[in-house]
Amino acid sequence: MKIGTDIIKVYKDVHIWVGIVCGLMLFIAFYAGSITMFEKPLERWATPPSALSPPPPLENAEKLLDAVLAERPQAAKGYSIVVTPTTDQPARVIWAERGERPRQLIEYGASFAADGRLEVEKLRKAQTAQLVDRMHQFVGLPLPDDAARLIMGAVALAYAVALLSGLIVLLPTLVEDLFALRAGKNLKRMWLDAHNALGIFSLPFHLIIALTSVVFAFHDPFYDTQAKVLYGGEINWGEHEAAPTGRVPLPAGELLVRVQAQLPGFEVFGFTFQQREGGHLEAGVIGLDPRRGTRARTYMRTHLDPYTGEVDTHDLPGRMDGWGEAVNAFFALHFGSYGGNPVRWLYVLMGLAGAALFYTGNLLWVESRRRMQRGAAPVPQKRSARVLAELTVGVSLGSVAGISATIAAAKWLPARVDDLMLWHEVIYYAVFFIGVAWALLRGAGRGAAELLWLCALTTLLIPFSSLAGVWGIGGAWNQAGTAAIDLTALVAVAVFLLVARFTRRRMRHGRTDSVWSVADQRQMTQVVSKGALT
């Protein structure tokens, strides 16, 4: 395929600069997104066991609810009845109350003690998975959600541009370069081949992620336009009309029977209730149909009439109109919430490959601007190349170490602090900014090797915290059936150590005119010192 060299140059410049500007944020989004593919196992691993007595049978849920409302009348505004209690939802009745911070909600659960006394417990559901998901959604930016969402949308748009421009650059030599991986002394050539192969083979996945991210970032303007054009100014989200005065909602056991009759194959997790003006009760049913892709990552939700048990199916996949199914497909394709664990593991691998794609892209830019050493005289590299290499190392490995550190802290924080999310954020950003500062201080080569050791150490703390729980150290605990998290962490530790060893060898024995070389750091120090003396 013939494309003019001037056109190729334009698209190559677009691809390079968009990739450089957005690559570091996208690294965080893809790495964190890979971890969120197993959000529920991570929540089970990180949530401490409840001290509540075993939940009463579902048939006694209303009796428990009456006892809760007598002691905590504010719970009537919104509560849930859990059909199948789990580690992160250990109570039959759960509700939320406002905390001290803006928009902070504290969950409580209730049960009956053996003597019939009401037990109320502040639930300690892990915030780790939510923080990692926030890193994924808002590309690691410590900004308010609305501002971070707009930046994420702009990054996603630029990301799509970079993908298409990169494809145009590759088109003339696509066939001959597709399966080429020329390993040897020319590291730049090898990195370029690896970068191109990752980009081409994962292009459909990256296009899906880019386009769906744009939809998520700008969904409010999309919905406002949709409301004006299609619905006459306002979208009806399925709210039910107020029930006649005096009607009593059906018991949870009867609601379960009626929902199961209307939705064969739908596993019901629980029911949610909200009290509106005039005492009217609105309800929803939460569950999962494993045969369908979900709009949320791990569950489906739709409206339910609590007085008749009638399910509003227009929000459920397989029962939507054409437009609803199209919107649901965007969510399912982005979250990988279809096909079970095989698809989840595929998304994990593709997410990690995506992170590697952005990392190698920055490395290629740095290597392409390397000043070649042609004699014995020191050849310090350009400041722009050195700073980008250091930021690539610091931001990427700092985020990896920060995520591992905040996950490891999940089994130590509940016994020591009240605001779990705040402390998880503090730990993540402290480690992240330390990683960035360390890379800028130590240089790309030393910084990369040392931060990879930090990544290995913080990731090793994950299974160590489980062992501490087994041994009863410092208030930590260990949940049965969560060994997969610890084993995965140990595999990651081995990978970090292997990459650190390779990085250290390249730093010591690679080309001395590279920003990754110890020699370049010494040369730069000598030049700066001479400049200071003169």
Protein backbone atom coordinates (compact mmCIF):
# COMPACT_ATOMS: atom_id res chain seq x y z
CA MET A 1 0.00 0.00 0.00
CA LYS A 2 1.46 3.35 -1.11
CA ILE A 3 1.13 6.35 1.19
CA GLY A 4 3.09 9.55 0.70
CA THR A 5 6.05 10.06 3.03
CA ASP A 6 4.78 13.52 3.97
CA ILE A 7 1.48 12.01 5.10
CA ILE A 8 3.30 9.28 7.02
CA LYS A 9 5.42 11.91 8.78
CA VAL A 10 2.35 13.91 9.85
CA TYR A 11 0.59 10.84 11.28
CA LYS A 12 3.81 9.65 12.92
CA ASP A 13 4.21 12.99 14.69
CA VAL A 14 0.58 12.87 15.81
CA HIS A 15 1.00 9.31 17.10
CA ILE A 16 4.23 10.09 18.98
CA TRP A 17 3.16 13.32 20.67
CA VAL A 18 -0.34 12.17 21.60
CA GLY A 19 1.20 8.99 22.98
CA ILE A 20 3.77 10.91 25.03
CA VAL A 21 1.21 13.34 26.46
CA CYS A 22 -1.33 10.66 27.38
CA GLY A 23 0.83 7.56 27.77
CA LEU A 24 1.65 7.84 31.46
CA MET A 25 -1.99 8.40 32.49
CA LEU A 26 -3.06 5.51 30.26
CA PHE A 27 -0.45 3.26 31.87
CA ILE A 28 -2.11 3.82 35.26
CA ALA A 29 -5.59 3.29 33.80
CA PHE A 30 -4.66 0.02 32.11
CA TYR A 31 -2.67 -1.42 35.00
CA ALA A 32 -5.39 -0.57 37.54
CA GLY A 33 -8.06 -1.78 35.11
CA SER A 34 -6.38 -5.18 34.92
CA ILE A 35 -6.66 -5.53 38.70
CA THR A 36 -10.33 -4.50 38.76
CA MET A 37 -11.22 -7.46 36.56
CA PHE A 38 -11.28 -9.51 39.76
CA GLU A 39 -12.91 -6.92 41.98
CA LYS A 40 -15.03 -9.36 43.99
CA PRO A 41 -12.20 -11.76 44.93
CA LEU A 42 -10.12 -8.73 45.97
CA GLU A 43 -13.00 -7.41 48.10
CA ARG A 44 -13.39 -10.80 49.81
CA TRP A 45 -9.63 -10.93 50.45
CA ALA A 46 -9.54 -7.40 51.89
CA THR A 47 -12.77 -7.32 53.96
CA PRO A 48 -12.40 -8.26 57.64
CA PRO A 49 -14.74 -10.90 59.11
CA SER A 50 -17.89 -9.58 60.72
CA ALA A 51 -18.52 -9.87 64.48
CA LEU A 52 -22.28 -10.08 63.94
CA SER A 53 -24.20 -13.22 64.77
CA PRO A 54 -25.23 -15.35 61.78
CA PRO A 55 -28.00 -13.68 59.71
CA PRO A 56 -31.54 -14.77 60.55
CA PRO A 57 -33.52 -16.65 57.85
CA LEU A 58 -34.91 -14.55 55.03
CA GLU A 59 -38.40 -15.18 56.41
CA ASN A 60 -37.43 -13.16 59.51
CA ALA A 61 -35.99 -10.23 57.56
CA GLU A 62 -39.02 -8.01 58.28
CA LYS A 63 -38.79 -8.74 62.00
CA LEU A 64 -35.12 -7.70 61.93
CA LEU A 65 -35.97 -4.61 59.88
CA ASP A 66 -38.64 -3.54 62.40
CA ALA A 67 -36.10 -3.84 65.21
CA VAL A 68 -33.56 -1.78 63.24
CA LEU A 69 -36.10 0.99 62.47
CA ALA A 70 -37.13 1.15 66.11
CA GLU A 71 -33.52 1.84 67.15
CA ARG A 72 -32.27 3.63 64.01
CA PRO A 73 -35.29 5.36 62.39
CA GLN A 74 -33.01 7.14 59.90
CA ALA A 75 -32.43 3.76 58.22
CA ALA A 76 -35.95 3.98 56.75
CA LYS A 77 -34.66 6.44 54.13
CA GLY A 78 -32.70 3.70 52.40
CA TYR A 79 -31.85 0.12 53.26
CA SER A 80 -31.14 -3.26 51.69
CA ILE A 81 -32.32 -6.77 52.45
CA VAL A 82 -29.64 -9.25 51.43
CA VAL A 83 -30.81 -12.59 50.05
CA THR A 84 -27.39 -14.28 50.10
CA PRO A 85 -25.04 -12.69 52.69
CA THR A 86 -21.38 -12.60 51.66
CA THR A 87 -18.07 -11.47 53.18
CA ASP A 88 -18.58 -7.87 52.04
CA GLN A 89 -22.33 -7.95 52.88
CA PRO A 90 -22.48 -10.12 55.99
CA ALA A 91 -25.82 -8.89 57.38
CA ARG A 92 -29.41 -9.58 56.36
CA VAL A 93 -30.33 -5.87 56.72
CA ILE A 94 -27.87 -3.15 55.68
CA TRP A 95 -28.24 0.62 55.57
CA ALA A 96 -26.02 3.70 55.28
CA GLU A 97 -25.66 6.87 57.34
CA ARG A 98 -23.81 10.06 56.45
CA GLY A 99 -20.26 10.44 57.75
CA GLU A 100 -18.26 13.53 58.67
CA ARG A 101 -16.74 14.09 55.24
CA PRO A 102 -18.85 15.38 52.29
CA ARG A 103 -20.59 12.55 50.44
CA GLN A 104 -19.15 10.02 52.91
CA LEU A 105 -21.55 7.18 53.65
CA ILE A 106 -20.97 4.67 56.46
CA GLU A 107 -22.62 1.26 56.11
CA TYR A 108 -24.15 -0.59 59.04
CA GLY A 109 -25.47 -4.12 59.34
CA ALA A 110 -27.74 -5.78 61.87
CA SER A 111 -28.53 -9.22 63.20
CA PHE A 112 -30.09 -10.89 66.24
CA ALA A 113 -27.90 -12.22 69.04
CA ALA A 114 -28.58 -15.65 70.50
CA ASP A 115 -30.71 -14.05 73.23
CA GLY A 116 -32.80 -12.10 70.71
CA ARG A 117 -31.05 -8.79 71.32
CA LEU A 118 -30.46 -6.53 68.30
CA GLU A 119 -26.82 -6.32 67.18
CA VAL A 120 -25.63 -3.38 65.06
CA GLU A 121 -22.15 -3.25 63.50
CA LYS A 122 -20.34 -0.68 61.43
CA LEU A 123 -19.39 -2.70 58.37
CA ARG A 124 -15.76 -2.65 57.32
CA LYS A 125 -16.18 -3.41 53.67
CA ALA A 126 -12.81 -3.06 51.94
CA GLN A 127 -12.22 0.21 50.07
CA THR A 128 -9.20 -1.16 48.21
CA ALA A 129 -11.06 -2.32 45.13
CA GLN A 130 -12.93 1.00 44.95
CA LEU A 131 -9.68 2.95 45.09
CA VAL A 132 -8.05 0.84 42.38
CA ASP A 133 -11.18 1.30 40.27
CA ARG A 134 -10.96 5.04 40.83
CA MET A 135 -7.35 5.01 39.62
CA HIS A 136 -8.64 3.20 36.53
CA GLN A 137 -11.58 5.52 35.90
CA PHE A 138 -9.78 8.82 36.49
CA VAL A 139 -6.28 7.86 35.21
CA GLY A 140 -4.76 8.34 38.64
CA LEU A 141 -5.51 12.07 38.93
CA PRO A 142 -5.96 13.34 42.52
CA LEU A 143 -8.74 15.73 41.44
CA PRO A 144 -12.50 15.99 42.09
CA ASP A 145 -14.43 13.37 40.14
CA ASP A 146 -16.09 15.79 37.69
CA ALA A 147 -12.80 17.44 36.69
CA ALA A 148 -10.93 14.12 36.49
CA ARG A 149 -13.71 12.62 34.38
CA LEU A 150 -13.46 15.39 31.78
CA ILE A 151 -9.67 15.00 31.59
CA MET A 152 -10.11 11.24 31.25
CA GLY A 153 -12.53 11.80 28.36
CA ALA A 154 -10.05 14.07 26.59
CA VAL A 155 -7.30 11.50 27.13
CA ALA A 156 -9.54 8.76 25.73
CA LEU A 157 -10.27 10.83 22.61
CA ALA A 158 -6.57 11.52 22.10
CA TYR A 159 -5.87 7.83 22.71
CA ALA A 160 -8.22 6.89 19.84
CA VAL A 161 -6.43 9.39 17.59
CA ALA A 162 -3.06 7.88 18.52
CA LEU A 163 -4.32 4.38 17.70
CA LEU A 164 -5.59 5.33 14.25
CA SER A 165 -2.55 7.45 13.39
CA GLY A 166 -0.25 4.62 14.46
CA LEU A 167 -2.14 2.20 12.22
CA ILE A 168 -1.74 4.55 9.24
CA VAL A 169 2.01 4.81 9.91
CA LEU A 170 2.31 1.00 9.88
CA LEU A 171 0.15 0.34 6.82
CA PRO A 172 2.93 0.51 4.18
CA THR A 173 5.02 -2.18 5.93
CA LEU A 174 2.27 -3.91 7.89
CA VAL A 175 2.64 -7.40 6.41
CA GLU A 176 6.43 -7.63 6.56
CA ASP A 177 6.69 -6.13 10.06
CA LEU A 178 3.68 -7.86 11.64
CA PHE A 179 5.49 -10.96 12.89
CA ALA A 180 8.99 -9.43 13.05
CA LEU A 181 10.76 -9.37 16.40
CA ARG A 182 14.39 -8.66 15.64
CA ALA A 183 16.21 -9.38 18.89
CA GLY A 184 19.87 -8.46 19.03
CA LYS A 185 22.20 -5.59 19.85
CA ASN A 186 19.86 -3.00 18.34
CA LEU A 187 17.57 -2.58 21.34
CA LYS A 188 15.66 0.26 19.73
CA ARG A 189 14.73 -1.99 16.80
CA MET A 190 13.62 -4.74 19.16
CA TRP A 191 11.50 -2.35 21.28
CA LEU A 192 9.90 -0.95 18.12
CA ASP A 193 9.01 -4.43 16.85
CA ALA A 194 7.53 -5.35 20.22
CA HIS A 195 5.62 -2.07 20.40
CA ASN A 196 4.20 -2.50 16.87
CA ALA A 197 3.21 -6.12 17.49
CA LEU A 198 1.43 -5.27 20.73
CA GLY A 199 -0.39 -2.40 19.04
CA ILE A 200 -1.56 -4.33 15.98
CA PHE A 201 -2.70 -7.53 17.70
CA SER A 202 -4.53 -5.65 20.45
CA LEU A 203 -5.94 -2.89 18.21
CA PRO A 204 -9.62 -4.05 18.40
CA PHE A 205 -9.40 -4.21 22.19
CA HIS A 206 -7.83 -0.75 22.41
CA LEU A 207 -10.42 0.78 20.08
CA ILE A 208 -13.21 -0.68 22.24
CA ILE A 209 -11.65 0.69 25.42
CA ALA A 210 -11.01 4.13 23.88
CA LEU A 211 -14.53 4.56 22.47
CA THR A 212 -16.32 3.25 25.55
CA SER A 213 -14.20 5.48 27.79
CA VAL A 214 -15.35 8.50 25.79
CA VAL A 215 -18.96 7.42 26.32
CA PHE A 216 -18.41 7.05 30.08
CA ALA A 217 -16.64 10.39 30.41
CA PHE A 218 -19.28 12.39 28.55
CA HIS A 219 -22.36 10.35 29.41
CA ASP A 220 -24.14 13.32 31.05
CA PRO A 221 -24.03 15.48 27.88
CA PHE A 222 -25.01 12.41 25.84
CA TYR A 223 -28.02 11.75 28.09
CA ASP A 224 -29.04 15.43 28.08
CA THR A 225 -28.97 15.48 24.27
CA GLN A 226 -30.82 12.17 24.11
CA ALA A 227 -33.50 13.53 26.47
CA LYS A 228 -34.05 16.64 24.34
CA VAL A 229 -34.03 14.87 20.98
CA LEU A 230 -35.81 11.59 21.76
CA TYR A 231 -37.80 12.06 24.96
CA GLY A 232 -39.13 15.62 24.83
CA GLY A 233 -36.81 17.04 27.45
CA GLU A 234 -36.68 14.39 30.17
CA ILE A 235 -35.79 10.71 30.34
CA ASN A 236 -38.11 8.50 32.40
CA TRP A 237 -35.80 6.12 34.21
CA GLY A 238 -38.57 3.74 35.17
CA GLU A 239 -39.86 5.34 38.39
CA HIS A 240 -43.14 3.88 39.58
CA GLU A 241 -46.18 5.89 40.47
CA ALA A 242 -46.97 6.32 44.15
CA ALA A 243 -48.77 3.41 45.74
CA PRO A 244 -52.20 3.95 47.32
CA THR A 245 -52.07 4.93 50.99
CA GLY A 246 -52.01 2.05 53.45
CA ARG A 247 -50.47 -0.58 51.21
CA VAL A 248 -47.79 -2.74 52.81
CA PRO A 249 -44.75 -3.97 50.85
CA LEU A 250 -44.45 -7.70 50.32
CA PRO A 251 -42.08 -9.67 52.57
CA ALA A 252 -38.63 -10.29 51.12
CA GLY A 253 -39.28 -14.03 50.86
CA GLU A 254 -42.40 -13.44 48.76
CA LEU A 255 -40.58 -10.86 46.59
CA LEU A 256 -37.88 -13.45 45.93
CA VAL A 257 -40.43 -16.04 44.79
CA ARG A 258 -42.14 -13.59 42.43
CA VAL A 259 -38.87 -12.29 40.96
CA GLN A 260 -37.62 -15.83 40.31
CA ALA A 261 -40.89 -16.64 38.54
CA GLN A 262 -40.51 -13.61 36.25
CA LEU A 263 -36.73 -13.94 35.66
CA PRO A 264 -35.74 -17.60 35.22
CA GLY A 265 -31.98 -18.04 35.51
CA PHE A 266 -31.52 -14.70 37.33
CA GLU A 267 -29.65 -15.09 40.65
CA VAL A 268 -31.03 -12.58 43.16
CA PHE A 269 -28.45 -11.03 45.49
CA GLY A 270 -30.77 -8.70 47.37
CA PHE A 271 -33.39 -5.95 47.36
CA THR A 272 -32.93 -2.21 47.87
CA PHE A 273 -35.58 0.14 49.27
CA GLN A 274 -35.84 3.94 49.34
CA GLN A 275 -38.52 5.98 51.05
CA ARG A 276 -39.93 8.87 49.04
CA GLU A 277 -42.23 11.74 49.99
CA GLY A 278 -45.52 10.64 51.48
CA GLY A 279 -44.08 7.35 52.72
CA HIS A 280 -44.05 5.76 49.26
CA LEU A 281 -41.44 3.01 48.95
CA GLU A 282 -39.37 2.48 45.81
CA ALA A 283 -37.45 -0.75 45.40
CA GLY A 284 -34.88 -2.42 43.19
CA VAL A 285 -33.60 -5.94 42.70
CA ILE A 286 -29.88 -6.68 42.39
CA GLY A 287 -28.53 -9.90 40.97
CA LEU A 288 -26.85 -11.51 38.00
CA ASP A 289 -27.78 -13.47 34.91
CA PRO A 290 -24.51 -15.17 33.91
CA ARG A 291 -25.81 -15.66 30.37
CA ARG A 292 -25.74 -11.90 29.71
CA GLY A 293 -23.14 -9.16 29.74
CA THR A 294 -23.68 -6.64 32.52
CA ARG A 295 -23.70 -2.87 32.62
CA ALA A 296 -21.98 -3.00 36.01
CA ARG A 297 -18.88 -5.11 36.48
CA THR A 298 -20.35 -7.77 38.79
CA TYR A 299 -24.12 -7.33 39.00
CA MET A 300 -27.35 -6.25 37.28
CA ARG A 301 -29.98 -3.95 38.76
CA THR A 302 -33.51 -2.93 37.86
CA HIS A 303 -36.67 -1.46 39.41
CA LEU A 304 -39.12 -3.56 41.36
CA ASP A 305 -42.62 -2.78 42.64
CA PRO A 306 -42.38 -3.70 46.34
CA TYR A 307 -46.17 -3.92 46.66
CA THR A 308 -46.82 -6.37 43.81
CA GLY A 309 -43.41 -7.90 43.11
CA GLU A 310 -43.58 -6.85 39.45
CA VAL A 311 -40.15 -6.42 37.87
CA ASP A 312 -39.45 -3.58 35.45
CA THR A 313 -37.37 -5.55 32.94
CA HIS A 314 -36.46 -2.68 30.61
CA ASP A 315 -33.07 -2.27 32.40
CA LEU A 316 -32.10 -5.94 32.12
CA PRO A 317 -29.90 -7.25 29.26
CA GLY A 318 -31.86 -9.45 26.90
CA ARG A 319 -35.07 -7.57 27.66
CA MET A 320 -34.07 -4.05 26.57
CA ASP A 321 -35.02 -2.22 23.40
CA GLY A 322 -32.44 -1.86 20.63
CA TRP A 323 -31.01 1.38 21.97
CA GLY A 324 -30.73 -0.02 25.49
CA GLU A 325 -28.95 -3.14 24.26
CA ALA A 326 -26.49 -0.99 22.31
CA VAL A 327 -25.69 1.10 25.40
CA ASN A 328 -25.38 -2.03 27.53
CA ALA A 329 -22.96 -3.50 24.98
CA PHE A 330 -20.64 -0.50 25.50
CA PHE A 331 -20.48 -1.23 29.22
CA ALA A 332 -20.08 -5.00 28.83
CA LEU A 333 -17.31 -4.63 26.25
CA HIS A 334 -15.42 -2.20 28.45
CA PHE A 335 -15.75 -4.19 31.68
CA GLY A 336 -15.32 -7.65 30.17
CA SER A 337 -18.47 -8.65 32.06
CA TYR A 338 -19.38 -11.47 29.70
CA GLY A 339 -18.02 -14.94 29.12
CA GLY A 340 -17.02 -15.56 32.75
CA ASN A 341 -13.47 -16.00 34.04
CA PRO A 342 -11.86 -16.88 30.67
CA VAL A 343 -12.82 -13.43 29.33
CA ARG A 344 -11.74 -11.77 32.58
CA TRP A 345 -8.28 -13.34 32.36
CA LEU A 346 -8.08 -12.31 28.70
CA TYR A 347 -8.86 -8.72 29.71
CA VAL A 348 -6.21 -8.91 32.44
CA LEU A 349 -3.58 -9.94 29.90
CA MET A 350 -4.74 -7.35 27.38
CA GLY A 351 -4.71 -4.65 30.04
CA LEU A 352 -1.15 -5.49 31.07
CA ALA A 353 -0.13 -5.59 27.42
CA GLY A 354 -1.70 -2.15 27.00
CA ALA A 355 0.34 -0.79 29.91
CA ALA A 356 3.46 -2.25 28.29
CA LEU A 357 2.47 -0.57 25.01
CA PHE A 358 2.50 2.90 26.59
CA TYR A 359 5.71 2.19 28.48
CA THR A 360 7.55 1.02 25.35
CA GLY A 361 6.21 3.97 23.39
CA ASN A 362 7.94 6.42 25.70
CA LEU A 363 11.14 4.34 25.66
CA LEU A 364 11.19 4.50 21.87
CA TRP A 365 10.88 8.29 21.91
CA VAL A 366 13.78 8.53 24.36
CA GLU A 367 16.00 6.18 22.35
CA SER A 368 15.20 7.95 19.08
CA ARG A 369 16.57 11.21 20.53
CA ARG A 370 19.71 9.70 22.00
CA ARG A 371 22.94 11.55 21.31
CA MET A 372 25.41 9.01 19.96
CA GLN A 373 28.80 8.81 21.66
CA ARG A 374 31.54 8.81 19.01
CA GLY A 375 34.61 9.14 21.20
CA ALA A 376 35.82 9.05 24.76
CA ALA A 377 34.39 12.46 25.65
CA PRO A 378 31.25 12.52 27.82
CA VAL A 379 28.00 12.87 25.86
CA PRO A 380 25.24 13.84 28.28
CA GLN A 381 21.78 13.25 26.90
CA LYS A 382 19.22 15.94 26.21
CA ARG A 383 17.30 17.17 29.23
CA SER A 384 13.97 16.38 27.53
CA ALA A 385 14.98 12.76 26.96
CA ARG A 386 16.27 12.32 30.51
CA VAL A 387 13.19 13.89 32.13
CA LEU A 388 10.76 11.85 30.06
CA ALA A 389 12.65 8.65 30.86
CA GLU A 390 12.62 9.50 34.57
CA LEU A 391 8.92 10.41 34.54
CA THR A 392 8.11 7.22 32.64
CA VAL A 393 9.88 5.18 35.30
CA GLY A 394 8.57 7.19 38.26
CA VAL A 395 4.92 7.46 37.24
CA SER A 396 4.61 3.88 35.96
CA LEU A 397 6.47 2.05 38.73
CA GLY A 398 5.29 4.50 41.38
CA SER A 399 1.67 3.67 40.53
CA VAL A 400 2.42 -0.07 40.56
CA ALA A 401 4.11 0.14 43.97
CA GLY A 402 1.36 2.42 45.31
CA ILE A 403 -1.41 0.03 44.29
CA SER A 404 0.40 -2.93 45.87
CA ALA A 405 1.06 -0.97 49.07
CA THR A 406 -2.55 0.13 49.50
CA ILE A 407 -3.81 -3.42 48.83
CA ALA A 408 -1.39 -4.82 51.42
CA ALA A 409 -2.57 -2.21 53.95
CA ALA A 410 -6.18 -3.42 53.65
CA LYS A 411 -5.67 -6.05 56.35
CA TRP A 412 -4.04 -3.64 58.81
CA LEU A 413 -6.10 -0.44 58.52
CA PRO A 414 -9.55 -1.56 59.81
CA ALA A 415 -8.19 -2.20 63.31
CA ARG A 416 -6.52 1.23 63.44
CA VAL A 417 -8.47 3.87 61.49
CA ASP A 418 -12.09 4.84 60.82
CA ASP A 419 -11.97 6.47 57.38
CA LEU A 420 -10.63 3.59 55.29
CA MET A 421 -10.90 5.27 51.89
CA LEU A 422 -8.99 8.34 53.07
CA TRP A 423 -6.12 6.22 54.39
CA HIS A 424 -6.01 4.05 51.27
CA GLU A 425 -5.70 7.24 49.20
CA VAL A 426 -2.97 8.62 51.47
CA ILE A 427 -0.94 5.41 51.20
CA TYR A 428 -1.31 5.18 47.42
CA TYR A 429 -0.39 8.79 46.67
CA ALA A 430 2.45 8.85 49.23
CA VAL A 431 4.13 5.85 47.58
CA PHE A 432 3.33 7.18 44.10
CA PHE A 433 4.91 10.60 44.64
CA ILE A 434 7.89 9.06 46.40
CA GLY A 435 8.40 6.88 43.31
CA VAL A 436 8.26 9.89 40.99
CA ALA A 437 10.65 11.90 43.14
CA TRP A 438 13.04 8.96 43.46
CA ALA A 439 13.22 8.46 39.69
CA LEU A 440 13.90 12.15 39.13
CA LEU A 441 16.59 12.09 41.81
CA ARG A 442 18.32 8.84 40.86
CA GLY A 443 17.89 8.88 37.09
CA ALA A 444 16.06 6.51 34.79
CA GLY A 445 18.46 3.55 35.04
CA ARG A 446 19.08 3.45 38.78
CA GLY A 447 15.54 4.60 39.51
CA ALA A 448 13.98 1.85 37.42
CA ALA A 449 16.02 -0.93 39.06
CA GLU A 450 15.41 0.39 42.57
CA LEU A 451 11.70 1.09 42.05
CA LEU A 452 11.22 -2.41 40.63
CA TRP A 453 12.65 -3.69 43.92
CA LEU A 454 10.12 -1.46 45.69
CA CYS A 455 7.33 -2.93 43.54
CA ALA A 456 8.49 -6.43 44.49
CA LEU A 457 8.62 -5.50 48.17
CA THR A 458 5.18 -3.86 48.35
CA THR A 459 3.65 -6.73 46.36
CA LEU A 460 5.30 -9.26 48.68
CA LEU A 461 3.55 -7.50 51.57
CA ILE A 462 0.22 -8.72 50.17
CA PRO A 463 0.73 -12.43 50.97
CA PHE A 464 2.68 -11.43 54.09
CA SER A 465 -0.39 -9.60 55.41
CA SER A 466 -2.40 -12.80 54.91
CA LEU A 467 0.24 -14.75 56.84
CA ALA A 468 0.07 -12.12 59.57
CA GLY A 469 -3.66 -12.77 59.75
CA VAL A 470 -3.09 -16.51 60.07
CA TRP A 471 -0.61 -15.89 62.88
CA GLY A 472 -2.83 -13.26 64.54
CA ILE A 473 -0.32 -10.40 64.28
CA GLY A 474 -1.35 -6.77 64.74
CA GLY A 475 -5.07 -7.16 64.18
CA ALA A 476 -4.70 -8.60 60.67
CA TRP A 477 -6.90 -11.49 59.55
CA ASN A 478 -7.15 -14.06 56.79
CA GLN A 479 -10.26 -15.04 54.86
CA ALA A 480 -10.66 -18.64 53.76
CA GLY A 481 -10.77 -19.24 50.01
CA THR A 482 -8.75 -16.17 49.00
CA ALA A 483 -5.36 -17.81 48.40
CA ALA A 484 -5.55 -16.97 44.66
CA ILE A 485 -4.87 -13.29 45.49
CA ASP A 486 -1.72 -14.20 47.44
CA LEU A 487 -0.48 -16.63 44.78
CA THR A 488 -1.00 -14.04 42.04
CA ALA A 489 0.97 -11.52 44.11
CA LEU A 490 3.86 -13.99 44.47
CA VAL A 491 3.96 -14.48 40.70
CA ALA A 492 4.06 -10.69 40.27
CA VAL A 493 6.96 -10.47 42.76
CA ALA A 494 8.97 -12.93 40.66
CA VAL A 495 8.24 -10.90 37.50
CA PHE A 496 9.32 -7.62 39.13
CA LEU A 497 12.57 -9.17 40.35
CA LEU A 498 13.29 -10.60 36.90
CA VAL A 499 12.69 -7.25 35.20
CA ALA A 500 14.80 -5.50 37.86
CA ARG A 501 17.68 -7.88 37.14
CA PHE A 502 17.43 -7.20 33.40
CA THR A 503 17.24 -3.45 34.01
CA ARG A 504 20.28 -3.51 36.28
CA ARG A 505 22.29 -5.48 33.73
CA ARG A 506 21.36 -3.04 31.01
CA MET A 507 22.26 -0.13 33.27
CA ARG A 508 25.74 -1.54 33.97
CA HIS A 509 26.63 -3.17 30.65
CA GLY A 510 24.51 -1.41 28.05
CA ARG A 511 25.48 1.49 25.82
CA THR A 512 27.06 4.30 27.78
CA ASP A 513 25.34 6.95 25.66
CA SER A 514 21.90 5.91 26.92
CA VAL A 515 19.82 7.59 29.61
CA TRP A 516 19.51 4.12 31.16
CA SER A 517 23.25 3.85 31.69
CA VAL A 518 25.07 4.61 34.95
CA ALA A 519 27.78 6.18 32.79
CA ASP A 520 25.35 8.77 31.46
CA GLN A 521 24.47 9.75 35.01
CA ARG A 522 28.15 10.15 35.88
CA GLN A 523 28.76 12.18 32.71
CA MET A 524 25.83 14.45 33.48
CA THR A 525 27.11 14.97 37.03
CA GLN A 526 30.58 15.86 35.68
CA VAL A 527 29.14 18.35 33.20
CA VAL A 528 27.01 20.01 35.86
CA SER A 529 29.99 20.15 38.25
CA LYS A 530 32.25 21.72 35.62
CA GLY A 531 29.58 24.25 34.80
CA ALA A 532 29.27 25.17 38.48
CA LEU A 533 33.07 25.60 38.81
CA THR A 534 33.32 27.85 35.80
